[in-house]
Amino acid sequence: YPNQINNVLGFPYIFRGALDVRASR
């Protein structure tokens, strides 16, 4: 269906940004 709420849009990229600045949380 259109407008899929798909978590793959989030977790890979959120962790990518967090890892690259060595975020504590």
PDB file of all heavy atoms in Angstrom:
ATOM      1  N   TYR A   1       0.845  -1.187   0.000  1.00  0.00           N
ATOM      2  CA  TYR A   1       0.000   0.000   0.000  1.00  0.00           C
ATOM      3  C   TYR A   1       0.884   1.242   0.000  1.00  0.00           C
ATOM      4  O   TYR A   1       2.023   1.204   0.486  1.00  0.00           O
ATOM      5  CB  TYR A   1      -0.898   0.035   1.244  1.00  0.00           C
ATOM      6  CG  TYR A   1      -1.997  -0.999   1.275  1.00  0.00           C
ATOM      7  CD1 TYR A   1      -2.074  -1.920   2.314  1.00  0.00           C
ATOM      8  CD2 TYR A   1      -2.969  -1.035   0.277  1.00  0.00           C
ATOM      9  CE1 TYR A   1      -3.094  -2.867   2.361  1.00  0.00           C
ATOM     10  CE2 TYR A   1      -3.990  -1.976   0.317  1.00  0.00           C
ATOM     11  CZ  TYR A   1      -4.043  -2.897   1.353  1.00  0.00           C
ATOM     12  OH  TYR A   1      -5.048  -3.823   1.384  1.00  0.00           O
ATOM     13  N   PRO A   2       0.351   2.368  -0.507  1.00  0.00           N
ATOM     14  CA  PRO A   2       1.104   3.627  -0.378  1.00  0.00           C
ATOM     15  C   PRO A   2       1.303   4.000   1.093  1.00  0.00           C
ATOM     16  O   PRO A   2       0.591   3.514   1.977  1.00  0.00           O
ATOM     17  CB  PRO A   2       0.193   4.650  -1.083  1.00  0.00           C
ATOM     18  CG  PRO A   2      -0.713   3.847  -1.952  1.00  0.00           C
ATOM     19  CD  PRO A   2      -0.910   2.533  -1.247  1.00  0.00           C
ATOM     20  N   ASN A   3       2.274   4.849   1.342  1.00  0.00           N
ATOM     21  CA  ASN A   3       2.515   5.407   2.682  1.00  0.00           C
ATOM     22  C   ASN A   3       2.822   4.317   3.708  1.00  0.00           C
ATOM     23  O   ASN A   3       2.164   4.207   4.746  1.00  0.00           O
ATOM     24  CB  ASN A   3       1.315   6.243   3.154  1.00  0.00           C
ATOM     25  CG  ASN A   3       1.016   7.413   2.241  1.00  0.00           C
ATOM     26  OD1 ASN A   3       1.928   7.972   1.636  1.00  0.00           O
ATOM     27  ND2 ASN A   3      -0.243   7.789   2.127  1.00  0.00           N
ATOM     28  N   GLN A   4       3.844   3.512   3.424  1.00  0.00           N
ATOM     29  CA  GLN A   4       4.209   2.456   4.362  1.00  0.00           C
ATOM     30  C   GLN A   4       5.021   3.016   5.525  1.00  0.00           C
ATOM     31  O   GLN A   4       6.032   3.689   5.324  1.00  0.00           O
ATOM     32  CB  GLN A   4       5.031   1.363   3.668  1.00  0.00           C
ATOM     33  CG  GLN A   4       5.336   0.189   4.598  1.00  0.00           C
ATOM     34  CD  GLN A   4       6.391  -0.747   4.049  1.00  0.00           C
ATOM     35  OE1 GLN A   4       7.103  -0.417   3.108  1.00  0.00           O
ATOM     36  NE2 GLN A   4       6.508  -1.922   4.651  1.00  0.00           N
ATOM     37  N   ILE A   5       4.588   2.739   6.743  1.00  0.00           N
ATOM     38  CA  ILE A   5       5.350   3.070   7.947  1.00  0.00           C
ATOM     39  C   ILE A   5       6.368   1.941   8.138  1.00  0.00           C
ATOM     40  O   ILE A   5       6.065   0.907   8.727  1.00  0.00           O
ATOM     41  CB  ILE A   5       4.430   3.196   9.179  1.00  0.00           C
ATOM     42  CG1 ILE A   5       3.276   4.159   8.901  1.00  0.00           C
ATOM     43  CG2 ILE A   5       5.238   3.641  10.405  1.00  0.00           C
ATOM     44  CD1 ILE A   5       3.690   5.566   8.600  1.00  0.00           C
ATOM     45  N   ASN A   6       7.549   2.135   7.606  1.00  0.00           N
ATOM     46  CA  ASN A   6       8.558   1.078   7.546  1.00  0.00           C
ATOM     47  C   ASN A   6       9.769   1.496   8.376  1.00  0.00           C
ATOM     48  O   ASN A   6      10.432   2.484   8.066  1.00  0.00           O
ATOM     49  CB  ASN A   6       8.961   0.837   6.093  1.00  0.00           C
ATOM     50  CG  ASN A   6       9.837  -0.387   5.920  1.00  0.00           C
ATOM     51  OD1 ASN A   6      10.539  -0.804   6.839  1.00  0.00           O
ATOM     52  ND2 ASN A   6       9.809  -0.967   4.733  1.00  0.00           N
ATOM     53  N   ASN A   7      10.083   0.715   9.404  1.00  0.00           N
ATOM     54  CA  ASN A   7      11.181   1.081  10.301  1.00  0.00           C
ATOM     55  C   ASN A   7      12.537   1.146   9.619  1.00  0.00           C
ATOM     56  O   ASN A   7      13.459   1.776  10.142  1.00  0.00           O
ATOM     57  CB  ASN A   7      11.263   0.086  11.466  1.00  0.00           C
ATOM     58  CG  ASN A   7      10.164   0.295  12.481  1.00  0.00           C
ATOM     59  OD1 ASN A   7       9.119   0.856  12.157  1.00  0.00           O
ATOM     60  ND2 ASN A   7      10.383  -0.151  13.699  1.00  0.00           N
ATOM     61  N   VAL A   8      12.681   0.499   8.463  1.00  0.00           N
ATOM     62  CA  VAL A   8      13.975   0.529   7.783  1.00  0.00           C
ATOM     63  C   VAL A   8      14.313   1.939   7.305  1.00  0.00           C
ATOM     64  O   VAL A   8      15.467   2.236   6.985  1.00  0.00           O
ATOM     65  CB  VAL A   8      13.998  -0.486   6.611  1.00  0.00           C
ATOM     66  CG1 VAL A   8      13.305   0.073   5.367  1.00  0.00           C
ATOM     67  CG2 VAL A   8      15.436  -0.899   6.276  1.00  0.00           C
ATOM     68  N   LEU A   9      13.321   2.825   7.287  1.00  0.00           N
ATOM     69  CA  LEU A   9      13.591   4.233   6.977  1.00  0.00           C
ATOM     70  C   LEU A   9      14.284   4.939   8.136  1.00  0.00           C
ATOM     71  O   LEU A   9      14.785   6.048   7.964  1.00  0.00           O
ATOM     72  CB  LEU A   9      12.272   4.964   6.677  1.00  0.00           C
ATOM     73  CG  LEU A   9      11.508   4.530   5.421  1.00  0.00           C
ATOM     74  CD1 LEU A   9      10.128   5.161   5.412  1.00  0.00           C
ATOM     75  CD2 LEU A   9      12.280   4.903   4.179  1.00  0.00           C
ATOM     76  N   GLY A  10      14.291   4.300   9.295  1.00  0.00           N
ATOM     77  CA  GLY A  10      14.806   4.971  10.479  1.00  0.00           C
ATOM     78  C   GLY A  10      16.063   4.394  11.070  1.00  0.00           C
ATOM     79  O   GLY A  10      17.117   5.025  11.045  1.00  0.00           O
ATOM     80  N   PHE A  11      15.995   3.166  11.598  1.00  0.00           N
ATOM     81  CA  PHE A  11      17.079   2.681  12.459  1.00  0.00           C
ATOM     82  C   PHE A  11      18.453   2.653  11.793  1.00  0.00           C
ATOM     83  O   PHE A  11      19.446   3.009  12.442  1.00  0.00           O
ATOM     84  CB  PHE A  11      16.731   1.309  13.058  1.00  0.00           C
ATOM     85  CG  PHE A  11      16.678   0.176  12.077  1.00  0.00           C
ATOM     86  CD1 PHE A  11      17.825  -0.516  11.716  1.00  0.00           C
ATOM     87  CD2 PHE A  11      15.464  -0.235  11.538  1.00  0.00           C
ATOM     88  CE1 PHE A  11      17.766  -1.563  10.822  1.00  0.00           C
ATOM     89  CE2 PHE A  11      15.402  -1.293  10.643  1.00  0.00           C
ATOM     90  CZ  PHE A  11      16.563  -1.955  10.279  1.00  0.00           C
ATOM     91  N   PRO A  12      18.610   2.275  10.499  1.00  0.00           N
ATOM     92  CA  PRO A  12      19.976   2.273   9.954  1.00  0.00           C
ATOM     93  C   PRO A  12      20.596   3.669   9.949  1.00  0.00           C
ATOM     94  O   PRO A  12      21.779   3.842  10.272  1.00  0.00           O
ATOM     95  CB  PRO A  12      19.789   1.747   8.526  1.00  0.00           C
ATOM     96  CG  PRO A  12      18.459   1.080   8.510  1.00  0.00           C
ATOM     97  CD  PRO A  12      17.629   1.832   9.496  1.00  0.00           C
ATOM     98  N   TYR A  13      19.783   4.655   9.591  1.00  0.00           N
ATOM     99  CA  TYR A  13      20.289   6.014   9.414  1.00  0.00           C
ATOM    100  C   TYR A  13      20.447   6.737  10.754  1.00  0.00           C
ATOM    101  O   TYR A  13      21.357   7.571  10.911  1.00  0.00           O
ATOM    102  CB  TYR A  13      19.351   6.778   8.484  1.00  0.00           C
ATOM    103  CG  TYR A  13      19.046   5.995   7.226  1.00  0.00           C
ATOM    104  CD1 TYR A  13      17.783   5.462   6.993  1.00  0.00           C
ATOM    105  CD2 TYR A  13      20.054   5.734   6.298  1.00  0.00           C
ATOM    106  CE1 TYR A  13      17.515   4.721   5.857  1.00  0.00           C
ATOM    107  CE2 TYR A  13      19.798   4.989   5.160  1.00  0.00           C
ATOM    108  CZ  TYR A  13      18.528   4.483   4.944  1.00  0.00           C
ATOM    109  OH  TYR A  13      18.280   3.730   3.826  1.00  0.00           O
ATOM    110  N   ILE A  14      19.581   6.427  11.707  1.00  0.00           N
ATOM    111  CA  ILE A  14      19.703   7.030  13.035  1.00  0.00           C
ATOM    112  C   ILE A  14      20.994   6.556  13.697  1.00  0.00           C
ATOM    113  O   ILE A  14      21.765   7.347  14.252  1.00  0.00           O
ATOM    114  CB  ILE A  14      18.468   6.684  13.887  1.00  0.00           C
ATOM    115  CG1 ILE A  14      17.232   7.380  13.312  1.00  0.00           C
ATOM    116  CG2 ILE A  14      18.681   7.083  15.346  1.00  0.00           C
ATOM    117  CD1 ILE A  14      15.923   6.816  13.808  1.00  0.00           C
ATOM    118  N   PHE A  15      21.250   5.246  13.611  1.00  0.00           N
ATOM    119  CA  PHE A  15      22.504   4.732  14.174  1.00  0.00           C
ATOM    120  C   PHE A  15      23.714   5.244  13.399  1.00  0.00           C
ATOM    121  O   PHE A  15      24.761   5.507  13.999  1.00  0.00           O
ATOM    122  CB  PHE A  15      22.496   3.202  14.195  1.00  0.00           C
ATOM    123  CG  PHE A  15      21.978   2.621  15.474  1.00  0.00           C
ATOM    124  CD1 PHE A  15      20.675   2.158  15.573  1.00  0.00           C
ATOM    125  CD2 PHE A  15      22.790   2.535  16.596  1.00  0.00           C
ATOM    126  CE1 PHE A  15      20.188   1.623  16.756  1.00  0.00           C
ATOM    127  CE2 PHE A  15      22.318   2.008  17.790  1.00  0.00           C
ATOM    128  CZ  PHE A  15      21.007   1.550  17.867  1.00  0.00           C
ATOM    129  N   ARG A  16      23.589   5.405  12.071  1.00  0.00           N
ATOM    130  CA  ARG A  16      24.711   5.927  11.291  1.00  0.00           C
ATOM    131  C   ARG A  16      25.124   7.305  11.814  1.00  0.00           C
ATOM    132  O   ARG A  16      26.305   7.580  12.056  1.00  0.00           O
ATOM    133  CB  ARG A  16      24.306   6.018   9.820  1.00  0.00           C
ATOM    134  CG  ARG A  16      25.328   6.577   8.830  1.00  0.00           C
ATOM    135  CD  ARG A  16      26.406   5.596   8.487  1.00  0.00           C
ATOM    136  NE  ARG A  16      27.484   5.587   9.467  1.00  0.00           N
ATOM    137  CZ  ARG A  16      28.274   4.558   9.673  1.00  0.00           C
ATOM    138  NH1 ARG A  16      28.113   3.442   8.996  1.00  0.00           N
ATOM    139  NH2 ARG A  16      29.239   4.627  10.581  1.00  0.00           N
ATOM    140  N   GLY A  17      24.168   8.184  11.995  1.00  0.00           N
ATOM    141  CA  GLY A  17      24.479   9.508  12.517  1.00  0.00           C
ATOM    142  C   GLY A  17      25.009   9.468  13.928  1.00  0.00           C
ATOM    143  O   GLY A  17      25.959  10.174  14.278  1.00  0.00           O
ATOM    144  N   ALA A  18      24.412   8.612  14.775  1.00  0.00           N
ATOM    145  CA  ALA A  18      24.853   8.504  16.172  1.00  0.00           C
ATOM    146  C   ALA A  18      26.278   7.964  16.261  1.00  0.00           C
ATOM    147  O   ALA A  18      27.101   8.459  17.041  1.00  0.00           O
ATOM    148  CB  ALA A  18      23.894   7.618  16.957  1.00  0.00           C
ATOM    149  N   LEU A  19      26.592   6.934  15.477  1.00  0.00           N
ATOM    150  CA  LEU A  19      27.936   6.356  15.499  1.00  0.00           C
ATOM    151  C   LEU A  19      28.982   7.350  15.008  1.00  0.00           C
ATOM    152  O   LEU A  19      30.093   7.426  15.547  1.00  0.00           O
ATOM    153  CB  LEU A  19      27.977   5.096  14.628  1.00  0.00           C
ATOM    154  CG  LEU A  19      27.205   3.872  15.115  1.00  0.00           C
ATOM    155  CD1 LEU A  19      27.236   2.781  14.061  1.00  0.00           C
ATOM    156  CD2 LEU A  19      27.772   3.346  16.428  1.00  0.00           C
ATOM    157  N   ASP A  20      28.634   8.113  13.994  1.00  0.00           N
ATOM    158  CA  ASP A  20      29.628   8.989  13.372  1.00  0.00           C
ATOM    159  C   ASP A  20      30.026  10.165  14.253  1.00  0.00           C
ATOM    160  O   ASP A  20      31.077  10.766  14.041  1.00  0.00           O
ATOM    161  CB  ASP A  20      29.122   9.477  12.012  1.00  0.00           C
ATOM    162  CG  ASP A  20      29.116   8.356  10.975  1.00  0.00           C
ATOM    163  OD1 ASP A  20      29.807   7.352  11.194  1.00  0.00           O
ATOM    164  OD2 ASP A  20      28.421   8.488   9.951  1.00  0.00           O
ATOM    165  N   VAL A  21      29.190  10.502  15.232  1.00  0.00           N
ATOM    166  CA  VAL A  21      29.588  11.539  16.199  1.00  0.00           C
ATOM    167  C   VAL A  21      29.904  10.925  17.564  1.00  0.00           C
ATOM    168  O   VAL A  21      30.098  11.625  18.545  1.00  0.00           O
ATOM    169  CB  VAL A  21      28.506  12.636  16.349  1.00  0.00           C
ATOM    170  CG1 VAL A  21      28.336  13.420  15.059  1.00  0.00           C
ATOM    171  CG2 VAL A  21      27.174  12.040  16.817  1.00  0.00           C
ATOM    172  N   ARG A  22      29.933   9.572  17.602  1.00  0.00           N
ATOM    173  CA  ARG A  22      30.175   8.842  18.849  1.00  0.00           C
ATOM    174  C   ARG A  22      29.239   9.317  19.962  1.00  0.00           C
ATOM    175  O   ARG A  22      29.662   9.628  21.091  1.00  0.00           O
ATOM    176  CB  ARG A  22      31.637   8.956  19.276  1.00  0.00           C
ATOM    177  CG  ARG A  22      32.605   8.351  18.278  1.00  0.00           C
ATOM    178  CD  ARG A  22      34.038   8.417  18.746  1.00  0.00           C
ATOM    179  NE  ARG A  22      34.943   8.042  17.654  1.00  0.00           N
ATOM    180  CZ  ARG A  22      36.260   8.204  17.684  1.00  0.00           C
ATOM    181  NH1 ARG A  22      36.833   8.737  18.759  1.00  0.00           N
ATOM    182  NH2 ARG A  22      37.006   7.843  16.661  1.00  0.00           N
ATOM    183  N   ALA A  23      27.958   9.360  19.629  1.00  0.00           N
ATOM    184  CA  ALA A  23      26.961   9.834  20.596  1.00  0.00           C
ATOM    185  C   ALA A  23      26.884   8.886  21.786  1.00  0.00           C
ATOM    186  O   ALA A  23      27.007   7.672  21.650  1.00  0.00           O
ATOM    187  CB  ALA A  23      25.597   9.940  19.919  1.00  0.00           C
ATOM    188  N   SER A  24      26.668   9.446  22.963  1.00  0.00           N
ATOM    189  CA  SER A  24      26.535   8.642  24.174  1.00  0.00           C
ATOM    190  C   SER A  24      25.130   8.059  24.304  1.00  0.00           C
ATOM    191  O   SER A  24      24.917   7.095  25.032  1.00  0.00           O
ATOM    192  CB  SER A  24      26.856   9.482  25.407  1.00  0.00           C
ATOM    193  OG  SER A  24      25.996  10.613  25.479  1.00  0.00           O
ATOM    194  N   ARG A  25      24.155   8.649  23.593  1.00  0.00           N
ATOM    195  CA  ARG A  25      22.782   8.161  23.624  1.00  0.00           C
ATOM    196  C   ARG A  25      22.042   8.699  22.405  1.00  0.00           C
ATOM    197  O   ARG A  25      22.513   9.612  21.724  1.00  0.00           O
ATOM    198  CB  ARG A  25      22.065   8.572  24.903  1.00  0.00           C
ATOM    199  CG  ARG A  25      21.914  10.083  25.096  1.00  0.00           C
ATOM    200  CD  ARG A  25      21.255  10.434  26.430  1.00  0.00           C
ATOM    201  NE  ARG A  25      22.055   9.931  27.548  1.00  0.00           N
ATOM    202  CZ  ARG A  25      21.629   8.981  28.388  1.00  0.00           C
ATOM    203  NH1 ARG A  25      20.436   8.445  28.226  1.00  0.00           N
ATOM    204  NH2 ARG A  25      22.385   8.584  29.391  1.00  0.00           N
TER     205      ARG A  25
END
